N, C-alpha and C. Protein backbone atom coordinates (compact mmCIF):
# COMPACT_ATOMS: atom_id res chain seq x y z
N MET A 1 337.29 83.90 77.66
CA MET A 1 338.28 82.82 77.70
C MET A 1 338.67 82.53 79.15
N GLU A 2 338.66 81.26 79.54
CA GLU A 2 338.94 80.90 80.92
C GLU A 2 340.43 81.07 81.21
N GLN A 3 340.70 81.75 82.31
CA GLN A 3 342.09 81.99 82.70
C GLN A 3 342.64 80.79 83.45
N THR A 4 343.92 80.51 83.26
CA THR A 4 344.57 79.44 83.99
C THR A 4 344.87 79.90 85.41
N LYS A 5 344.49 79.08 86.36
CA LYS A 5 344.71 79.44 87.76
C LYS A 5 346.18 79.30 88.12
N THR A 6 346.70 80.30 88.77
CA THR A 6 348.06 80.24 89.26
C THR A 6 348.06 79.61 90.65
N PHE A 7 349.25 79.31 91.14
CA PHE A 7 349.37 78.77 92.49
C PHE A 7 348.82 79.76 93.51
N GLN A 8 349.05 81.06 93.24
CA GLN A 8 348.54 82.09 94.15
C GLN A 8 347.02 82.09 94.20
N ASP A 9 346.39 81.89 93.02
CA ASP A 9 344.93 81.83 92.97
C ASP A 9 344.40 80.64 93.78
N MET A 10 345.01 79.47 93.57
CA MET A 10 344.57 78.28 94.28
C MET A 10 344.79 78.41 95.78
N LEU A 11 345.90 79.06 96.16
CA LEU A 11 346.18 79.27 97.58
C LEU A 11 345.13 80.18 98.20
N LYS A 12 344.76 81.25 97.45
CA LYS A 12 343.76 82.18 97.97
C LYS A 12 342.41 81.50 98.10
N GLU A 13 342.01 80.73 97.10
CA GLU A 13 340.72 80.04 97.16
C GLU A 13 340.69 79.04 98.31
N GLY A 14 341.80 78.33 98.50
CA GLY A 14 341.86 77.37 99.60
C GLY A 14 341.78 78.05 100.95
N THR A 15 342.45 79.20 101.07
CA THR A 15 342.43 79.95 102.32
C THR A 15 341.03 80.49 102.61
N LEU A 16 340.36 80.99 101.55
CA LEU A 16 339.00 81.50 101.73
C LEU A 16 338.05 80.38 102.15
N THR A 17 338.19 79.21 101.54
CA THR A 17 337.34 78.08 101.90
C THR A 17 337.56 77.67 103.34
N ALA A 18 338.84 77.63 103.76
CA ALA A 18 339.16 77.27 105.14
C ALA A 18 338.61 78.29 106.11
N SER A 19 338.73 79.58 105.78
CA SER A 19 338.23 80.63 106.67
C SER A 19 336.71 80.58 106.79
N ASP A 20 336.02 80.31 105.67
CA ASP A 20 334.56 80.20 105.71
C ASP A 20 334.13 79.03 106.59
N ALA A 21 334.84 77.90 106.46
CA ALA A 21 334.50 76.73 107.28
C ALA A 21 334.74 77.01 108.76
N LEU A 22 335.87 77.66 109.06
CA LEU A 22 336.17 78.00 110.45
C LEU A 22 335.13 78.96 111.02
N LEU A 23 334.74 79.97 110.22
CA LEU A 23 333.76 80.94 110.68
C LEU A 23 332.41 80.28 110.94
N ALA A 24 331.99 79.40 110.02
CA ALA A 24 330.70 78.73 110.16
C ALA A 24 330.68 77.83 111.39
N THR A 25 331.74 77.03 111.57
CA THR A 25 331.78 76.15 112.74
C THR A 25 331.91 76.95 114.03
N GLY A 26 332.63 78.07 113.98
CA GLY A 26 332.76 78.92 115.16
C GLY A 26 331.42 79.50 115.59
N ILE A 27 330.66 80.01 114.62
CA ILE A 27 329.33 80.56 114.93
C ILE A 27 328.42 79.47 115.48
N ALA A 28 328.46 78.29 114.85
CA ALA A 28 327.62 77.17 115.30
C ALA A 28 327.98 76.77 116.74
N MET A 29 329.28 76.75 117.05
CA MET A 29 329.71 76.38 118.40
C MET A 29 329.23 77.40 119.43
N VAL A 30 329.28 78.68 119.07
CA VAL A 30 328.81 79.72 120.00
C VAL A 30 327.31 79.59 120.25
N VAL A 31 326.55 79.37 119.17
CA VAL A 31 325.09 79.24 119.31
C VAL A 31 324.74 78.02 120.16
N ILE A 32 325.38 76.89 119.88
CA ILE A 32 325.11 75.68 120.66
C ILE A 32 325.53 75.87 122.11
N GLY A 33 326.65 76.58 122.31
CA GLY A 33 327.10 76.85 123.68
C GLY A 33 326.11 77.68 124.46
N VAL A 34 325.54 78.71 123.82
CA VAL A 34 324.54 79.55 124.49
C VAL A 34 323.30 78.72 124.86
N VAL A 35 322.86 77.88 123.93
CA VAL A 35 321.70 77.01 124.19
C VAL A 35 322.00 76.07 125.36
N ALA A 36 323.22 75.52 125.39
CA ALA A 36 323.59 74.60 126.46
C ALA A 36 323.57 75.30 127.82
N ILE A 37 323.99 76.56 127.87
CA ILE A 37 324.00 77.30 129.13
C ILE A 37 322.58 77.64 129.56
N LEU A 38 321.72 77.99 128.61
CA LEU A 38 320.34 78.35 128.93
C LEU A 38 319.53 77.13 129.40
N ALA A 39 319.88 75.95 128.92
CA ALA A 39 319.18 74.71 129.32
C ALA A 39 320.22 73.68 129.74
N PRO A 40 320.89 73.89 130.89
CA PRO A 40 322.01 73.02 131.27
C PRO A 40 321.61 71.58 131.55
N LEU A 41 320.46 71.37 132.20
CA LEU A 41 320.05 70.01 132.51
C LEU A 41 319.71 69.24 131.24
N ALA A 42 318.94 69.89 130.35
CA ALA A 42 318.56 69.24 129.09
C ALA A 42 319.79 68.93 128.24
N SER A 43 320.72 69.88 128.16
CA SER A 43 321.92 69.66 127.36
C SER A 43 322.81 68.60 128.00
N GLY A 44 322.82 68.55 129.34
CA GLY A 44 323.60 67.51 130.02
C GLY A 44 323.04 66.13 129.75
N VAL A 45 321.71 66.01 129.81
CA VAL A 45 321.07 64.73 129.52
C VAL A 45 321.32 64.33 128.07
N LEU A 46 321.23 65.31 127.15
CA LEU A 46 321.48 65.03 125.74
C LEU A 46 322.91 64.55 125.53
N PHE A 47 323.85 65.21 126.18
CA PHE A 47 325.25 64.80 126.09
C PHE A 47 325.42 63.38 126.64
N ASN A 48 324.71 63.09 127.73
CA ASN A 48 324.75 61.76 128.33
C ASN A 48 324.23 60.70 127.35
N LEU A 49 323.14 61.01 126.66
CA LEU A 49 322.56 60.06 125.70
C LEU A 49 323.48 59.85 124.50
N ILE A 50 324.10 60.94 124.04
CA ILE A 50 325.04 60.81 122.92
C ILE A 50 326.22 59.93 123.32
N PHE A 51 326.72 60.16 124.53
CA PHE A 51 327.84 59.36 125.02
C PHE A 51 327.43 57.89 125.13
N ALA A 52 326.20 57.64 125.61
CA ALA A 52 325.71 56.27 125.73
C ALA A 52 325.61 55.61 124.35
N ALA A 53 325.12 56.36 123.36
CA ALA A 53 325.00 55.83 122.01
C ALA A 53 326.37 55.48 121.44
N VAL A 54 327.37 56.33 121.72
CA VAL A 54 328.73 56.06 121.26
C VAL A 54 329.26 54.78 121.91
N LEU A 55 328.99 54.61 123.21
CA LEU A 55 329.43 53.39 123.90
C LEU A 55 328.79 52.15 123.29
N ILE A 56 327.48 52.20 123.05
CA ILE A 56 326.79 51.05 122.48
C ILE A 56 327.33 50.74 121.08
N GLY A 57 327.55 51.80 120.28
CA GLY A 57 328.12 51.60 118.95
C GLY A 57 329.50 50.97 119.01
N ALA A 58 330.32 51.44 119.95
CA ALA A 58 331.67 50.87 120.11
C ALA A 58 331.59 49.41 120.54
N GLY A 59 330.62 49.10 121.42
CA GLY A 59 330.46 47.71 121.86
C GLY A 59 330.06 46.80 120.72
N ILE A 60 329.16 47.28 119.85
CA ILE A 60 328.74 46.48 118.69
C ILE A 60 329.93 46.22 117.77
N VAL A 61 330.76 47.25 117.58
CA VAL A 61 331.96 47.08 116.74
C VAL A 61 332.88 46.02 117.35
N GLU A 62 333.02 46.05 118.67
CA GLU A 62 333.88 45.06 119.33
C GLU A 62 333.31 43.65 119.18
N PHE A 63 331.98 43.53 119.25
CA PHE A 63 331.34 42.23 118.99
C PHE A 63 331.65 41.73 117.58
N THR A 64 331.55 42.64 116.62
CA THR A 64 331.83 42.28 115.23
C THR A 64 333.27 41.82 115.07
N ASP A 65 334.19 42.54 115.69
CA ASP A 65 335.60 42.15 115.64
C ASP A 65 335.82 40.79 116.31
N ALA A 66 335.05 40.52 117.38
CA ALA A 66 335.19 39.25 118.08
C ALA A 66 334.78 38.08 117.18
N VAL A 67 333.70 38.28 116.41
CA VAL A 67 333.25 37.21 115.51
C VAL A 67 334.27 36.97 114.40
N ARG A 68 334.91 38.04 113.96
CA ARG A 68 335.86 37.93 112.84
C ARG A 68 337.29 37.61 113.29
N SER A 69 337.52 37.55 114.58
CA SER A 69 338.89 37.35 115.06
C SER A 69 339.39 35.97 114.65
N GLY A 70 340.69 35.87 114.46
CA GLY A 70 341.27 34.63 113.99
C GLY A 70 341.43 33.57 115.08
N THR A 71 341.59 34.00 116.33
CA THR A 71 341.79 33.06 117.44
C THR A 71 340.67 33.21 118.45
N TRP A 72 340.36 32.13 119.16
CA TRP A 72 339.26 32.18 120.13
C TRP A 72 339.63 33.03 121.33
N GLN A 73 340.95 33.06 121.68
CA GLN A 73 341.36 33.88 122.82
C GLN A 73 341.06 35.36 122.55
N ARG A 74 341.44 35.82 121.37
CA ARG A 74 341.18 37.23 121.01
C ARG A 74 339.68 37.47 120.90
N GLY A 75 338.95 36.48 120.36
CA GLY A 75 337.50 36.63 120.24
C GLY A 75 336.83 36.76 121.59
N VAL A 76 337.29 35.97 122.58
CA VAL A 76 336.70 36.05 123.93
C VAL A 76 336.97 37.41 124.56
N LEU A 77 338.21 37.88 124.42
CA LEU A 77 338.56 39.19 124.99
C LEU A 77 337.74 40.31 124.36
N LEU A 78 337.65 40.29 123.03
CA LEU A 78 336.87 41.33 122.36
C LEU A 78 335.39 41.20 122.70
N GLY A 79 334.89 39.97 122.85
CA GLY A 79 333.50 39.77 123.22
C GLY A 79 333.20 40.31 124.61
N LEU A 80 334.10 40.05 125.55
CA LEU A 80 333.92 40.58 126.91
C LEU A 80 333.97 42.10 126.92
N ALA A 81 334.91 42.67 126.15
CA ALA A 81 335.00 44.13 126.05
C ALA A 81 333.72 44.70 125.45
N GLY A 82 333.17 44.02 124.45
CA GLY A 82 331.92 44.47 123.85
C GLY A 82 330.77 44.44 124.83
N ILE A 83 330.70 43.36 125.64
CA ILE A 83 329.63 43.25 126.64
C ILE A 83 329.72 44.38 127.65
N VAL A 84 330.92 44.64 128.15
CA VAL A 84 331.10 45.70 129.14
C VAL A 84 330.76 47.07 128.54
N THR A 85 331.19 47.31 127.31
CA THR A 85 330.95 48.60 126.68
C THR A 85 329.46 48.83 126.42
N VAL A 86 328.78 47.81 125.89
CA VAL A 86 327.34 47.93 125.65
C VAL A 86 326.58 48.09 126.97
N ALA A 87 326.99 47.33 127.98
CA ALA A 87 326.34 47.44 129.29
C ALA A 87 326.49 48.84 129.87
N ALA A 88 327.67 49.42 129.70
CA ALA A 88 327.88 50.78 130.19
C ALA A 88 326.98 51.77 129.45
N GLY A 89 326.84 51.60 128.14
CA GLY A 89 325.96 52.47 127.37
C GLY A 89 324.51 52.35 127.79
N VAL A 90 324.05 51.11 128.01
CA VAL A 90 322.68 50.89 128.45
C VAL A 90 322.46 51.48 129.84
N PHE A 91 323.47 51.36 130.72
CA PHE A 91 323.37 51.93 132.06
C PHE A 91 323.23 53.45 132.01
N PHE A 92 324.00 54.09 131.14
CA PHE A 92 323.92 55.54 131.02
C PHE A 92 322.55 55.99 130.53
N ILE A 93 321.90 55.15 129.70
CA ILE A 93 320.56 55.49 129.23
C ILE A 93 319.52 55.22 130.31
N ALA A 94 319.66 54.09 131.03
CA ALA A 94 318.68 53.71 132.05
C ALA A 94 318.78 54.59 133.29
N ARG A 95 319.97 55.04 133.62
CA ARG A 95 320.18 55.87 134.83
C ARG A 95 320.88 57.16 134.43
N PRO A 96 320.15 58.07 133.78
CA PRO A 96 320.79 59.30 133.27
C PRO A 96 321.37 60.19 134.36
N VAL A 97 320.73 60.20 135.56
CA VAL A 97 321.25 61.05 136.64
C VAL A 97 322.61 60.55 137.11
N VAL A 98 322.69 59.24 137.36
CA VAL A 98 323.99 58.66 137.76
C VAL A 98 325.00 58.83 136.64
N GLY A 99 324.52 58.68 135.40
CA GLY A 99 325.41 58.86 134.26
C GLY A 99 325.96 60.27 134.19
N LEU A 100 325.12 61.27 134.51
CA LEU A 100 325.57 62.66 134.50
C LEU A 100 326.66 62.90 135.53
N VAL A 101 326.51 62.30 136.72
CA VAL A 101 327.53 62.47 137.75
C VAL A 101 328.85 61.85 137.30
N ALA A 102 328.76 60.64 136.73
CA ALA A 102 329.97 59.99 136.24
C ALA A 102 330.61 60.78 135.11
N LEU A 103 329.78 61.29 134.20
CA LEU A 103 330.31 62.08 133.10
C LEU A 103 330.91 63.39 133.60
N SER A 104 330.34 63.94 134.66
CA SER A 104 330.89 65.18 135.22
C SER A 104 332.32 64.97 135.68
N ILE A 105 332.58 63.82 136.32
CA ILE A 105 333.94 63.52 136.78
C ILE A 105 334.87 63.34 135.58
N VAL A 106 334.39 62.61 134.57
CA VAL A 106 335.19 62.42 133.36
C VAL A 106 335.44 63.75 132.67
N PHE A 107 334.40 64.60 132.66
CA PHE A 107 334.52 65.88 131.98
C PHE A 107 335.51 66.81 132.67
N LEU A 108 335.64 66.68 133.98
CA LEU A 108 336.64 67.48 134.68
C LEU A 108 338.04 67.15 134.17
N GLY A 109 338.29 65.86 133.98
CA GLY A 109 339.58 65.46 133.42
C GLY A 109 339.77 66.00 132.01
N TYR A 110 338.67 66.00 131.23
CA TYR A 110 338.73 66.55 129.87
C TYR A 110 339.03 68.04 129.90
N LEU A 111 338.39 68.78 130.82
CA LEU A 111 338.62 70.22 130.91
C LEU A 111 340.08 70.53 131.24
N ILE A 112 340.63 69.77 132.18
CA ILE A 112 342.03 70.00 132.56
C ILE A 112 342.95 69.73 131.37
N PHE A 113 342.71 68.61 130.68
CA PHE A 113 343.54 68.27 129.52
C PHE A 113 343.44 69.33 128.43
N MET A 114 342.20 69.72 128.07
CA MET A 114 342.01 70.70 127.01
C MET A 114 342.55 72.07 127.40
N GLY A 115 342.41 72.43 128.68
CA GLY A 115 342.95 73.71 129.13
C GLY A 115 344.45 73.78 128.95
N VAL A 116 345.15 72.74 129.40
CA VAL A 116 346.61 72.69 129.25
C VAL A 116 346.98 72.65 127.77
N PHE A 117 346.24 71.85 126.98
CA PHE A 117 346.54 71.71 125.56
C PHE A 117 346.41 73.05 124.83
N ARG A 118 345.32 73.81 125.11
CA ARG A 118 345.12 75.09 124.44
C ARG A 118 346.17 76.12 124.84
N ILE A 119 346.56 76.11 126.09
CA ILE A 119 347.60 77.06 126.54
C ILE A 119 348.92 76.74 125.86
N VAL A 120 349.28 75.45 125.81
CA VAL A 120 350.52 75.04 125.16
C VAL A 120 350.48 75.41 123.68
N MET A 121 349.33 75.16 123.02
CA MET A 121 349.20 75.50 121.60
C MET A 121 349.32 77.01 121.38
N ALA A 122 348.78 77.79 122.31
CA ALA A 122 348.88 79.25 122.19
C ALA A 122 350.34 79.70 122.22
N PHE A 123 351.15 79.09 123.09
CA PHE A 123 352.56 79.46 123.17
C PHE A 123 353.34 78.95 121.96
N GLN A 124 352.84 77.90 121.30
CA GLN A 124 353.51 77.36 120.12
C GLN A 124 353.29 78.25 118.91
N LEU A 125 352.16 78.98 118.87
CA LEU A 125 351.87 79.86 117.74
C LEU A 125 352.81 81.06 117.76
N PRO A 126 353.23 81.56 116.59
CA PRO A 126 354.11 82.74 116.56
C PRO A 126 353.40 83.98 117.06
N ARG A 127 354.16 84.96 117.51
CA ARG A 127 353.61 86.21 118.02
C ARG A 127 352.76 86.90 116.96
N GLY A 128 351.56 87.30 117.35
CA GLY A 128 350.65 87.98 116.44
C GLY A 128 349.83 87.05 115.56
N ALA A 129 349.98 85.73 115.74
CA ALA A 129 349.22 84.78 114.92
C ALA A 129 347.74 84.87 115.27
N PRO A 130 346.84 84.77 114.26
CA PRO A 130 345.41 84.84 114.52
C PRO A 130 344.94 83.71 115.43
N GLY A 131 344.14 84.04 116.44
CA GLY A 131 343.61 83.04 117.35
C GLY A 131 344.52 82.72 118.52
N LYS A 132 345.73 83.30 118.57
CA LYS A 132 346.69 82.99 119.64
C LYS A 132 346.14 83.41 121.00
N VAL A 133 345.62 84.65 121.08
CA VAL A 133 345.12 85.16 122.36
C VAL A 133 343.90 84.37 122.83
N TRP A 134 342.97 84.14 121.90
CA TRP A 134 341.74 83.44 122.28
C TRP A 134 342.02 81.98 122.63
N SER A 135 343.00 81.38 122.00
CA SER A 135 343.38 80.01 122.36
C SER A 135 343.90 79.96 123.79
N PHE A 136 344.72 80.95 124.15
CA PHE A 136 345.23 81.03 125.51
C PHE A 136 344.11 81.29 126.51
N VAL A 137 343.22 82.23 126.18
CA VAL A 137 342.12 82.57 127.08
C VAL A 137 341.19 81.38 127.28
N SER A 138 340.86 80.67 126.20
CA SER A 138 339.97 79.51 126.33
C SER A 138 340.60 78.43 127.19
N GLY A 139 341.93 78.27 127.10
CA GLY A 139 342.62 77.30 127.94
C GLY A 139 342.57 77.68 129.41
N VAL A 140 342.80 78.96 129.69
CA VAL A 140 342.73 79.43 131.07
C VAL A 140 341.32 79.26 131.63
N VAL A 141 340.31 79.60 130.84
CA VAL A 141 338.92 79.47 131.27
C VAL A 141 338.60 78.01 131.59
N ALA A 142 339.07 77.08 130.74
CA ALA A 142 338.81 75.66 130.98
C ALA A 142 339.43 75.21 132.30
N LEU A 143 340.65 75.67 132.61
CA LEU A 143 341.29 75.29 133.86
C LEU A 143 340.57 75.91 135.06
N VAL A 144 340.12 77.16 134.91
CA VAL A 144 339.39 77.82 136.01
C VAL A 144 338.07 77.09 136.28
N LEU A 145 337.37 76.71 135.22
CA LEU A 145 336.12 75.98 135.37
C LEU A 145 336.35 74.64 136.06
N ALA A 146 337.42 73.95 135.68
CA ALA A 146 337.74 72.67 136.31
C ALA A 146 338.04 72.86 137.79
N TYR A 147 338.77 73.92 138.13
CA TYR A 147 339.10 74.21 139.53
C TYR A 147 337.84 74.49 140.34
N LEU A 148 336.93 75.29 139.78
CA LEU A 148 335.69 75.61 140.48
C LEU A 148 334.84 74.36 140.69
N ALA A 149 334.83 73.49 139.69
CA ALA A 149 334.03 72.26 139.79
C ALA A 149 334.60 71.32 140.84
N ILE A 150 335.93 71.19 140.88
CA ILE A 150 336.56 70.32 141.87
C ILE A 150 336.25 70.82 143.28
N GLY A 151 336.13 72.14 143.43
CA GLY A 151 335.80 72.70 144.74
C GLY A 151 334.44 72.29 145.25
N GLN A 152 333.52 71.93 144.34
CA GLN A 152 332.18 71.50 144.77
C GLN A 152 331.92 70.03 144.41
N MET A 153 333.00 69.24 144.37
CA MET A 153 332.88 67.83 144.02
C MET A 153 331.91 67.04 144.90
N PRO A 154 331.84 67.29 146.21
CA PRO A 154 330.89 66.49 147.01
C PRO A 154 329.43 66.69 146.59
N SER A 155 329.14 67.81 146.01
CA SER A 155 327.75 68.09 145.63
C SER A 155 327.68 68.51 144.17
N LEU A 156 328.16 67.64 143.29
CA LEU A 156 328.13 67.94 141.86
C LEU A 156 326.68 68.15 141.42
N SER A 157 326.45 69.25 140.75
CA SER A 157 325.09 69.58 140.30
C SER A 157 324.81 68.93 138.96
N LEU A 158 323.52 68.74 138.69
CA LEU A 158 323.12 68.16 137.41
C LEU A 158 323.35 69.12 136.26
N TRP A 159 323.49 70.41 136.56
CA TRP A 159 323.71 71.39 135.49
C TRP A 159 325.18 71.55 135.16
N LEU A 160 326.05 70.83 135.87
CA LEU A 160 327.49 71.04 135.71
C LEU A 160 327.95 70.80 134.28
N ILE A 161 327.63 69.63 133.75
CA ILE A 161 328.14 69.27 132.42
C ILE A 161 327.57 70.19 131.36
N GLY A 162 326.25 70.45 131.40
CA GLY A 162 325.64 71.31 130.39
C GLY A 162 326.24 72.70 130.37
N THR A 163 326.43 73.27 131.57
CA THR A 163 327.00 74.62 131.66
C THR A 163 328.44 74.67 131.19
N PHE A 164 329.23 73.71 131.64
CA PHE A 164 330.64 73.71 131.27
C PHE A 164 330.83 73.43 129.80
N VAL A 165 330.03 72.52 129.25
CA VAL A 165 330.11 72.27 127.81
C VAL A 165 329.76 73.54 127.04
N GLY A 166 328.72 74.24 127.50
CA GLY A 166 328.32 75.48 126.84
C GLY A 166 329.40 76.54 126.86
N VAL A 167 329.99 76.76 128.03
CA VAL A 167 331.06 77.78 128.15
C VAL A 167 332.26 77.41 127.29
N SER A 168 332.63 76.13 127.34
CA SER A 168 333.78 75.68 126.54
C SER A 168 333.51 75.85 125.05
N LEU A 169 332.28 75.53 124.62
CA LEU A 169 331.94 75.69 123.21
C LEU A 169 331.98 77.15 122.78
N ILE A 170 331.50 78.04 123.64
CA ILE A 170 331.48 79.46 123.30
C ILE A 170 332.90 79.98 123.08
N PHE A 171 333.80 79.69 124.01
CA PHE A 171 335.16 80.19 123.88
C PHE A 171 335.90 79.52 122.72
N SER A 172 335.63 78.24 122.50
CA SER A 172 336.25 77.57 121.35
C SER A 172 335.72 78.15 120.05
N GLY A 173 334.42 78.45 120.02
CA GLY A 173 333.84 79.06 118.82
C GLY A 173 334.41 80.44 118.54
N ILE A 174 334.59 81.25 119.59
CA ILE A 174 335.17 82.58 119.42
C ILE A 174 336.61 82.46 118.90
N ALA A 175 337.35 81.47 119.41
CA ALA A 175 338.72 81.26 118.95
C ALA A 175 338.74 80.92 117.46
N ARG A 176 337.79 80.08 117.02
CA ARG A 176 337.71 79.72 115.60
C ARG A 176 337.33 80.93 114.75
N MET A 177 336.41 81.74 115.23
CA MET A 177 336.01 82.93 114.48
C MET A 177 337.16 83.91 114.36
N SER A 178 337.95 84.05 115.42
CA SER A 178 339.12 84.92 115.38
C SER A 178 340.14 84.40 114.37
N LEU A 179 340.33 83.08 114.35
CA LEU A 179 341.26 82.49 113.39
C LEU A 179 340.77 82.67 111.96
N ALA A 180 339.45 82.56 111.77
CA ALA A 180 338.87 82.75 110.44
C ALA A 180 339.09 84.19 109.96
N ARG A 181 338.91 85.16 110.85
CA ARG A 181 339.16 86.56 110.47
C ARG A 181 340.62 86.77 110.09
N GLY A 182 341.52 86.08 110.80
CA GLY A 182 342.94 86.19 110.45
C GLY A 182 343.22 85.63 109.07
N PHE A 183 342.57 84.51 108.72
CA PHE A 183 342.73 83.94 107.38
C PHE A 183 342.19 84.89 106.31
N GLN A 184 341.04 85.50 106.62
CA GLN A 184 340.43 86.41 105.65
C GLN A 184 341.33 87.62 105.40
N LYS A 185 341.98 88.11 106.45
CA LYS A 185 342.92 89.22 106.27
C LYS A 185 344.12 88.78 105.44
N ALA A 186 344.55 87.52 105.67
CA ALA A 186 345.72 87.02 104.94
C ALA A 186 345.43 86.92 103.45
N THR A 187 344.18 86.60 103.07
CA THR A 187 343.85 86.48 101.66
C THR A 187 343.93 87.82 100.94
N GLY A 188 343.77 88.91 101.68
CA GLY A 188 343.88 90.23 101.07
C GLY A 188 345.28 90.52 100.56
N LEU A 189 346.26 89.81 101.12
CA LEU A 189 347.65 90.00 100.68
C LEU A 189 347.98 89.21 99.42
N LEU A 190 347.05 88.34 99.01
CA LEU A 190 347.31 87.49 97.86
C LEU A 190 346.75 88.04 96.56
N GLY A 191 346.10 89.20 96.62
CA GLY A 191 345.54 89.79 95.41
C GLY A 191 344.11 89.36 95.17
N ALA A 192 343.50 89.89 94.15
CA ALA A 192 342.10 89.60 93.83
C ALA A 192 341.98 88.20 93.24
N PRO A 193 340.86 87.49 93.51
CA PRO A 193 340.65 86.17 92.93
C PRO A 193 340.46 86.24 91.43
N PRO A 194 340.59 85.12 90.71
CA PRO A 194 340.52 85.12 89.25
C PRO A 194 339.23 85.70 88.69
N ALA A 195 338.09 85.42 89.35
CA ALA A 195 336.79 85.89 88.85
C ALA A 195 336.76 87.41 88.82
N GLN A 196 337.30 88.03 89.89
CA GLN A 196 337.29 89.51 89.93
C GLN A 196 338.25 90.10 88.91
N ARG A 197 339.40 89.43 88.71
CA ARG A 197 340.35 89.96 87.74
C ARG A 197 339.76 89.88 86.33
N GLY A 198 339.03 88.77 86.04
CA GLY A 198 338.42 88.63 84.73
C GLY A 198 337.34 89.66 84.48
N ALA A 199 336.61 90.03 85.55
CA ALA A 199 335.54 90.99 85.41
C ALA A 199 336.06 92.39 85.09
N HIS A 200 337.26 92.70 85.63
CA HIS A 200 337.83 94.03 85.41
C HIS A 200 338.69 94.10 84.16
N ALA A 201 338.91 92.91 83.53
CA ALA A 201 339.78 92.90 82.35
C ALA A 201 339.10 93.53 81.14
C-alpha cells in the first residue's frame, strides 16, 4: 500500500534533489576548469566564439524588436543597436586575437565584481553554513587573479582568459560541491525517505 508523503518526506526529497544537482554541476565545473587551464588558448578562443554568438543572437533579437516596434523612432534605435551588436559579434569571430584582448579587459571587471560578490555573500551566510568558507576563498582568489592580471595589463597574454576562467570554475565548482555535502548532511536529520521506511515495515 502506497504511503502518503508527509511534508518532511517532500522536504527531504527536495533537498536530496538539490544536493545532487549542486554536486553534479560542481564536478562538471571543476572538470571544465581543469581542461580550460590545460588548454588556455583553445578555451579562450572558444569563450570568444561563444561570446560572439551571444552578441549576434542579441543583435538578431533587437532587429526583430525593431520590426515589431510601434513607432519608427523606437524601430530606428533598436535597428541601430542591432547593427552594432551583430557587427561586434562578427568582429569577435573575424579577429579572435583582438577579441581575446578586449574580452580579457571585460573579464577583469567581471572577476572584480564576482570576487566582491562572493565575499559579501560569504559574510551574509550564518556561521557554520555549508559553502561559507569556500565562497569566501573563491572571492579572494578572484580578486587576487584580477590584481595579478592588472599588473601585466600592457602585455596581456592570450592565455589570460582561458586560465582565469578555468581557475574561477574550479573554485566555484568546489564551493558547489561543499554546499551539496552540507545539504546531504542536513537530509540525515530529516529521517529515512519513504521508500526505505516501507522496505523496513
